[in-house]
Amino acid sequence: MARKGSLGTWLKMLGVGAVCCIGGPALVYYVQPTDEELFKRYNPELQKKSLERRYERQKEFDDFVNQLKDFSKDDRHIWTVQEENARKYREGRLREDAKKAAEAKARQEAMRKESGL
C-alpha cells in the first residue's frame, strides 16, 4: 500500500514549484538586456545604420498593421485574404517584369536597326 506524503513533503514540493515557476521567469527578466542596452553595445557604424533605417522600418511596420486591419474586415480567414493579396502582388510584379523585358528588347532592336546590323 502506498504511503501518503506528509505535510512537510507537500510544502517542500509547493515551495520548489513556486521557485521554478516564479523564479525562472524573474531571473530571465533580470538578466535579459533592454533595447537601449543592446543599442549601446553596437559599434558606432551599426548605431548610425540603425538610426538611419528606423523611420523606414517604422513605416513598413505601420503599413503591415494597416494591411492586416484591411484584411480583417473581410469575412474570410485573414491568411486566405493575405495569400490572395500576395498572389496578386506576385502576378503584378511578373507583368511589370515582362513589360520591362519587352521594352528592353524593343530598345535593343531599335539600336540594331539604327546601327545597321
N, C-alpha and C. Protein backbone atom coordinates (compact mmCIF):
# COMPACT_ATOMS: atom_id res chain seq x y z
N MET A 1 0.84 -1.16 0.00
CA MET A 1 0.00 0.00 0.00
C MET A 1 0.89 1.24 0.00
N ALA A 2 0.53 2.21 -0.85
CA ALA A 2 1.34 3.43 -0.96
C ALA A 2 1.13 4.31 0.25
N ARG A 3 2.20 4.87 0.70
CA ARG A 3 2.15 5.73 1.88
C ARG A 3 1.91 7.17 1.43
N LYS A 4 1.00 7.84 2.07
CA LYS A 4 0.71 9.22 1.73
C LYS A 4 1.83 10.10 2.25
N GLY A 5 2.18 11.16 1.50
CA GLY A 5 3.23 12.07 1.91
C GLY A 5 2.78 12.92 3.08
N SER A 6 3.73 13.34 3.84
CA SER A 6 3.41 14.18 4.99
C SER A 6 3.23 15.62 4.53
N LEU A 7 2.74 16.43 5.44
CA LEU A 7 2.50 17.84 5.14
C LEU A 7 3.81 18.53 4.77
N GLY A 8 4.89 18.18 5.41
CA GLY A 8 6.20 18.78 5.12
C GLY A 8 6.65 18.51 3.69
N THR A 9 6.41 17.29 3.21
CA THR A 9 6.79 16.93 1.85
C THR A 9 5.99 17.75 0.84
N TRP A 10 4.70 17.90 1.10
CA TRP A 10 3.85 18.70 0.21
C TRP A 10 4.28 20.16 0.21
N LEU A 11 4.63 20.69 1.35
CA LEU A 11 5.07 22.09 1.41
C LEU A 11 6.40 22.28 0.68
N LYS A 12 7.32 21.33 0.81
CA LYS A 12 8.58 21.41 0.07
C LYS A 12 8.32 21.37 -1.43
N MET A 13 7.42 20.49 -1.86
CA MET A 13 7.10 20.37 -3.27
C MET A 13 6.50 21.68 -3.79
N LEU A 14 5.57 22.26 -3.05
CA LEU A 14 4.97 23.52 -3.47
C LEU A 14 6.00 24.65 -3.49
N GLY A 15 6.90 24.64 -2.51
CA GLY A 15 7.95 25.67 -2.47
C GLY A 15 8.88 25.58 -3.67
N VAL A 16 9.33 24.37 -3.99
CA VAL A 16 10.21 24.18 -5.14
C VAL A 16 9.49 24.54 -6.44
N GLY A 17 8.22 24.16 -6.55
CA GLY A 17 7.44 24.51 -7.73
C GLY A 17 7.29 26.02 -7.88
N ALA A 18 7.04 26.70 -6.77
CA ALA A 18 6.90 28.16 -6.82
C ALA A 18 8.22 28.81 -7.22
N VAL A 19 9.33 28.31 -6.69
CA VAL A 19 10.63 28.87 -7.06
C VAL A 19 10.89 28.67 -8.55
N CYS A 20 10.54 27.51 -9.07
CA CYS A 20 10.76 27.25 -10.51
C CYS A 20 9.83 28.10 -11.38
N CYS A 21 8.57 28.17 -11.00
CA CYS A 21 7.58 28.87 -11.84
C CYS A 21 7.70 30.38 -11.75
N ILE A 22 8.10 30.91 -10.62
CA ILE A 22 8.20 32.36 -10.45
C ILE A 22 9.65 32.81 -10.60
N GLY A 23 10.57 32.06 -10.01
CA GLY A 23 11.97 32.46 -10.04
C GLY A 23 12.62 32.36 -11.41
N GLY A 24 12.24 31.37 -12.19
CA GLY A 24 12.83 31.20 -13.53
C GLY A 24 12.55 32.40 -14.43
N PRO A 25 11.26 32.73 -14.64
CA PRO A 25 10.98 33.90 -15.47
C PRO A 25 11.53 35.20 -14.87
N ALA A 26 11.53 35.32 -13.55
CA ALA A 26 12.08 36.52 -12.92
C ALA A 26 13.58 36.63 -13.21
N LEU A 27 14.29 35.50 -13.17
CA LEU A 27 15.71 35.52 -13.48
C LEU A 27 15.95 35.92 -14.93
N VAL A 28 15.16 35.38 -15.84
CA VAL A 28 15.29 35.73 -17.26
C VAL A 28 15.03 37.22 -17.44
N TYR A 29 13.99 37.74 -16.80
CA TYR A 29 13.66 39.16 -16.90
C TYR A 29 14.80 40.02 -16.36
N TYR A 30 15.43 39.59 -15.30
CA TYR A 30 16.52 40.34 -14.68
C TYR A 30 17.78 40.32 -15.54
N VAL A 31 18.06 39.18 -16.16
CA VAL A 31 19.29 39.00 -16.92
C VAL A 31 19.18 39.57 -18.34
N GLN A 32 18.00 39.56 -18.92
CA GLN A 32 17.81 39.99 -20.31
C GLN A 32 18.06 41.49 -20.45
N PRO A 33 18.92 41.90 -21.41
CA PRO A 33 19.21 43.33 -21.57
C PRO A 33 18.04 44.06 -22.25
N THR A 34 17.93 45.35 -21.96
CA THR A 34 16.89 46.17 -22.59
C THR A 34 17.35 46.55 -24.00
N ASP A 35 16.42 47.11 -24.78
CA ASP A 35 16.76 47.53 -26.13
C ASP A 35 17.83 48.62 -26.13
N GLU A 36 17.75 49.54 -25.16
CA GLU A 36 18.75 50.61 -25.08
C GLU A 36 20.13 50.05 -24.77
N GLU A 37 20.21 49.06 -23.88
CA GLU A 37 21.49 48.45 -23.55
C GLU A 37 22.09 47.74 -24.76
N LEU A 38 21.25 47.05 -25.52
CA LEU A 38 21.74 46.40 -26.73
C LEU A 38 22.23 47.43 -27.75
N PHE A 39 21.47 48.52 -27.89
CA PHE A 39 21.84 49.56 -28.85
C PHE A 39 23.18 50.19 -28.46
N LYS A 40 23.42 50.38 -27.17
CA LYS A 40 24.68 50.96 -26.72
C LYS A 40 25.87 50.03 -26.99
N ARG A 41 25.62 48.73 -27.07
CA ARG A 41 26.69 47.77 -27.32
C ARG A 41 27.06 47.71 -28.80
N TYR A 42 26.20 48.23 -29.69
CA TYR A 42 26.53 48.27 -31.12
C TYR A 42 27.78 49.11 -31.32
N ASN A 43 28.52 48.81 -32.39
CA ASN A 43 29.60 49.72 -32.73
C ASN A 43 28.98 50.95 -33.40
N PRO A 44 29.68 52.07 -33.43
CA PRO A 44 29.09 53.32 -33.92
C PRO A 44 28.53 53.24 -35.34
N GLU A 45 29.16 52.44 -36.19
CA GLU A 45 28.68 52.31 -37.56
C GLU A 45 27.29 51.65 -37.59
N LEU A 46 27.11 50.59 -36.81
CA LEU A 46 25.81 49.92 -36.74
C LEU A 46 24.76 50.82 -36.10
N GLN A 47 25.16 51.60 -35.11
CA GLN A 47 24.21 52.54 -34.50
C GLN A 47 23.72 53.54 -35.53
N LYS A 48 24.63 54.04 -36.35
CA LYS A 48 24.28 55.01 -37.38
C LYS A 48 23.32 54.39 -38.39
N LYS A 49 23.63 53.17 -38.85
CA LYS A 49 22.76 52.49 -39.81
C LYS A 49 21.38 52.24 -39.21
N SER A 50 21.36 51.84 -37.96
CA SER A 50 20.09 51.56 -37.29
C SER A 50 19.25 52.81 -37.17
N LEU A 51 19.87 53.92 -36.83
CA LEU A 51 19.13 55.18 -36.73
C LEU A 51 18.63 55.64 -38.10
N GLU A 52 19.42 55.41 -39.14
CA GLU A 52 19.01 55.81 -40.48
C GLU A 52 17.81 54.99 -40.97
N ARG A 53 17.78 53.72 -40.62
CA ARG A 53 16.70 52.84 -41.09
C ARG A 53 15.48 52.83 -40.19
N ARG A 54 15.56 53.52 -39.05
CA ARG A 54 14.46 53.49 -38.08
C ARG A 54 13.14 53.95 -38.69
N TYR A 55 13.14 55.08 -39.38
CA TYR A 55 11.91 55.61 -39.98
C TYR A 55 11.37 54.62 -41.01
N GLU A 56 12.26 54.08 -41.80
CA GLU A 56 11.84 53.12 -42.84
C GLU A 56 11.19 51.88 -42.22
N ARG A 57 11.80 51.35 -41.17
CA ARG A 57 11.24 50.16 -40.51
C ARG A 57 9.90 50.47 -39.85
N GLN A 58 9.79 51.66 -39.25
CA GLN A 58 8.51 52.04 -38.63
C GLN A 58 7.42 52.16 -39.68
N LYS A 59 7.76 52.72 -40.83
CA LYS A 59 6.78 52.86 -41.91
C LYS A 59 6.35 51.49 -42.43
N GLU A 60 7.32 50.58 -42.60
CA GLU A 60 6.99 49.22 -43.04
C GLU A 60 6.06 48.54 -42.05
N PHE A 61 6.34 48.70 -40.76
CA PHE A 61 5.51 48.07 -39.74
C PHE A 61 4.11 48.68 -39.75
N ASP A 62 4.02 50.00 -39.87
CA ASP A 62 2.70 50.66 -39.92
C ASP A 62 1.91 50.20 -41.14
N ASP A 63 2.58 50.08 -42.28
CA ASP A 63 1.92 49.58 -43.48
C ASP A 63 1.40 48.16 -43.27
N PHE A 64 2.23 47.33 -42.64
CA PHE A 64 1.84 45.94 -42.37
C PHE A 64 0.61 45.89 -41.47
N VAL A 65 0.61 46.70 -40.41
CA VAL A 65 -0.52 46.70 -39.48
C VAL A 65 -1.79 47.21 -40.18
N ASN A 66 -1.65 48.26 -40.97
CA ASN A 66 -2.82 48.76 -41.70
C ASN A 66 -3.34 47.73 -42.69
N GLN A 67 -2.42 47.02 -43.33
CA GLN A 67 -2.82 45.96 -44.25
C GLN A 67 -3.57 44.85 -43.51
N LEU A 68 -3.09 44.48 -42.33
CA LEU A 68 -3.78 43.46 -41.54
C LEU A 68 -5.17 43.93 -41.12
N LYS A 69 -5.29 45.21 -40.79
CA LYS A 69 -6.60 45.75 -40.43
C LYS A 69 -7.55 45.66 -41.62
N ASP A 70 -7.05 45.98 -42.81
CA ASP A 70 -7.89 45.88 -44.00
C ASP A 70 -8.28 44.43 -44.27
N PHE A 71 -7.33 43.51 -44.10
CA PHE A 71 -7.62 42.10 -44.32
C PHE A 71 -8.64 41.58 -43.31
N SER A 72 -8.61 42.09 -42.09
CA SER A 72 -9.51 41.58 -41.06
C SER A 72 -10.95 42.04 -41.29
N LYS A 73 -11.16 43.03 -42.13
CA LYS A 73 -12.51 43.49 -42.42
C LYS A 73 -13.26 42.51 -43.31
N ASP A 74 -12.53 41.66 -44.01
CA ASP A 74 -13.14 40.66 -44.89
C ASP A 74 -13.74 39.53 -44.06
N ASP A 75 -14.76 38.87 -44.59
CA ASP A 75 -15.42 37.77 -43.87
C ASP A 75 -14.59 36.49 -43.86
N ARG A 76 -13.69 36.37 -44.80
CA ARG A 76 -12.88 35.15 -44.89
C ARG A 76 -11.74 35.19 -43.87
N HIS A 77 -11.05 34.05 -43.75
CA HIS A 77 -9.91 33.97 -42.85
C HIS A 77 -8.82 34.92 -43.32
N ILE A 78 -8.11 35.49 -42.36
CA ILE A 78 -7.12 36.52 -42.69
C ILE A 78 -5.98 35.95 -43.52
N TRP A 79 -5.57 34.69 -43.27
CA TRP A 79 -4.46 34.14 -44.03
C TRP A 79 -4.86 33.85 -45.47
N THR A 80 -6.15 33.57 -45.70
CA THR A 80 -6.63 33.37 -47.07
C THR A 80 -6.57 34.68 -47.84
N VAL A 81 -7.04 35.74 -47.22
CA VAL A 81 -7.03 37.05 -47.86
C VAL A 81 -5.59 37.49 -48.08
N GLN A 82 -4.72 37.23 -47.12
CA GLN A 82 -3.31 37.63 -47.25
C GLN A 82 -2.64 36.85 -48.38
N GLU A 83 -2.94 35.58 -48.49
CA GLU A 83 -2.36 34.78 -49.58
C GLU A 83 -2.84 35.28 -50.94
N GLU A 84 -4.12 35.61 -51.04
CA GLU A 84 -4.64 36.17 -52.29
C GLU A 84 -3.93 37.46 -52.65
N ASN A 85 -3.75 38.32 -51.67
CA ASN A 85 -3.08 39.59 -51.91
C ASN A 85 -1.64 39.36 -52.35
N ALA A 86 -0.95 38.42 -51.73
CA ALA A 86 0.43 38.11 -52.10
C ALA A 86 0.49 37.56 -53.52
N ARG A 87 -0.47 36.72 -53.87
CA ARG A 87 -0.52 36.17 -55.22
C ARG A 87 -0.74 37.27 -56.25
N LYS A 88 -1.68 38.19 -55.95
CA LYS A 88 -1.93 39.31 -56.86
C LYS A 88 -0.69 40.19 -57.00
N TYR A 89 0.00 40.40 -55.89
CA TYR A 89 1.21 41.21 -55.93
C TYR A 89 2.28 40.55 -56.80
N ARG A 90 2.46 39.22 -56.63
CA ARG A 90 3.44 38.50 -57.45
C ARG A 90 3.08 38.56 -58.92
N GLU A 91 1.79 38.37 -59.23
CA GLU A 91 1.36 38.43 -60.63
C GLU A 91 1.61 39.81 -61.22
N GLY A 92 1.33 40.85 -60.43
CA GLY A 92 1.58 42.21 -60.90
C GLY A 92 3.06 42.45 -61.15
N ARG A 93 3.91 41.95 -60.25
CA ARG A 93 5.35 42.09 -60.45
C ARG A 93 5.82 41.34 -61.69
N LEU A 94 5.27 40.14 -61.92
CA LEU A 94 5.64 39.39 -63.11
C LEU A 94 5.23 40.14 -64.38
N ARG A 95 4.02 40.73 -64.36
CA ARG A 95 3.58 41.52 -65.53
C ARG A 95 4.51 42.71 -65.76
N GLU A 96 4.87 43.40 -64.66
CA GLU A 96 5.78 44.54 -64.79
C GLU A 96 7.13 44.11 -65.34
N ASP A 97 7.66 42.99 -64.83
CA ASP A 97 8.95 42.49 -65.30
C ASP A 97 8.88 42.11 -66.78
N ALA A 98 7.78 41.46 -67.18
CA ALA A 98 7.62 41.09 -68.59
C ALA A 98 7.53 42.34 -69.46
N LYS A 99 6.82 43.36 -68.98
CA LYS A 99 6.69 44.61 -69.72
C LYS A 99 8.05 45.29 -69.87
N LYS A 100 8.83 45.32 -68.79
CA LYS A 100 10.16 45.92 -68.85
C LYS A 100 11.07 45.13 -69.80
N ALA A 101 10.97 43.80 -69.76
CA ALA A 101 11.79 42.98 -70.65
C ALA A 101 11.42 43.24 -72.11
N ALA A 102 10.12 43.39 -72.38
CA ALA A 102 9.68 43.67 -73.75
C ALA A 102 10.18 45.04 -74.20
N GLU A 103 10.14 46.02 -73.31
CA GLU A 103 10.65 47.36 -73.64
C GLU A 103 12.15 47.32 -73.91
N ALA A 104 12.88 46.57 -73.09
CA ALA A 104 14.33 46.45 -73.28
C ALA A 104 14.63 45.77 -74.61
N LYS A 105 13.86 44.75 -74.95
CA LYS A 105 14.06 44.06 -76.21
C LYS A 105 13.75 44.98 -77.38
N ALA A 106 12.69 45.78 -77.24
CA ALA A 106 12.35 46.73 -78.30
C ALA A 106 13.46 47.77 -78.47
N ARG A 107 14.04 48.23 -77.37
CA ARG A 107 15.15 49.19 -77.45
C ARG A 107 16.36 48.56 -78.14
N GLN A 108 16.63 47.29 -77.81
CA GLN A 108 17.76 46.61 -78.45
C GLN A 108 17.53 46.50 -79.95
N GLU A 109 16.32 46.13 -80.33
CA GLU A 109 16.02 46.01 -81.76
C GLU A 109 16.15 47.36 -82.46
N ALA A 110 15.68 48.41 -81.78
CA ALA A 110 15.79 49.74 -82.38
C ALA A 110 17.25 50.14 -82.53
N MET A 111 18.08 49.81 -81.54
CA MET A 111 19.51 50.13 -81.63
C MET A 111 20.18 49.33 -82.73
N ARG A 112 19.78 48.10 -82.93
CA ARG A 112 20.35 47.27 -84.00
C ARG A 112 19.97 47.83 -85.36
N LYS A 113 18.72 48.27 -85.49
CA LYS A 113 18.28 48.84 -86.78
C LYS A 113 19.02 50.13 -87.08
N GLU A 114 19.27 50.92 -86.03
CA GLU A 114 20.00 52.19 -86.21
C GLU A 114 21.44 51.96 -86.63
N SER A 115 22.05 50.92 -86.04
CA SER A 115 23.46 50.68 -86.35
C SER A 115 23.64 49.93 -87.65
N GLY A 116 22.56 49.38 -88.19
CA GLY A 116 22.62 48.69 -89.48
C GLY A 116 23.05 47.24 -89.39
N LEU A 117 22.88 46.62 -88.25
CA LEU A 117 23.24 45.19 -88.13
C LEU A 117 22.09 44.33 -88.43
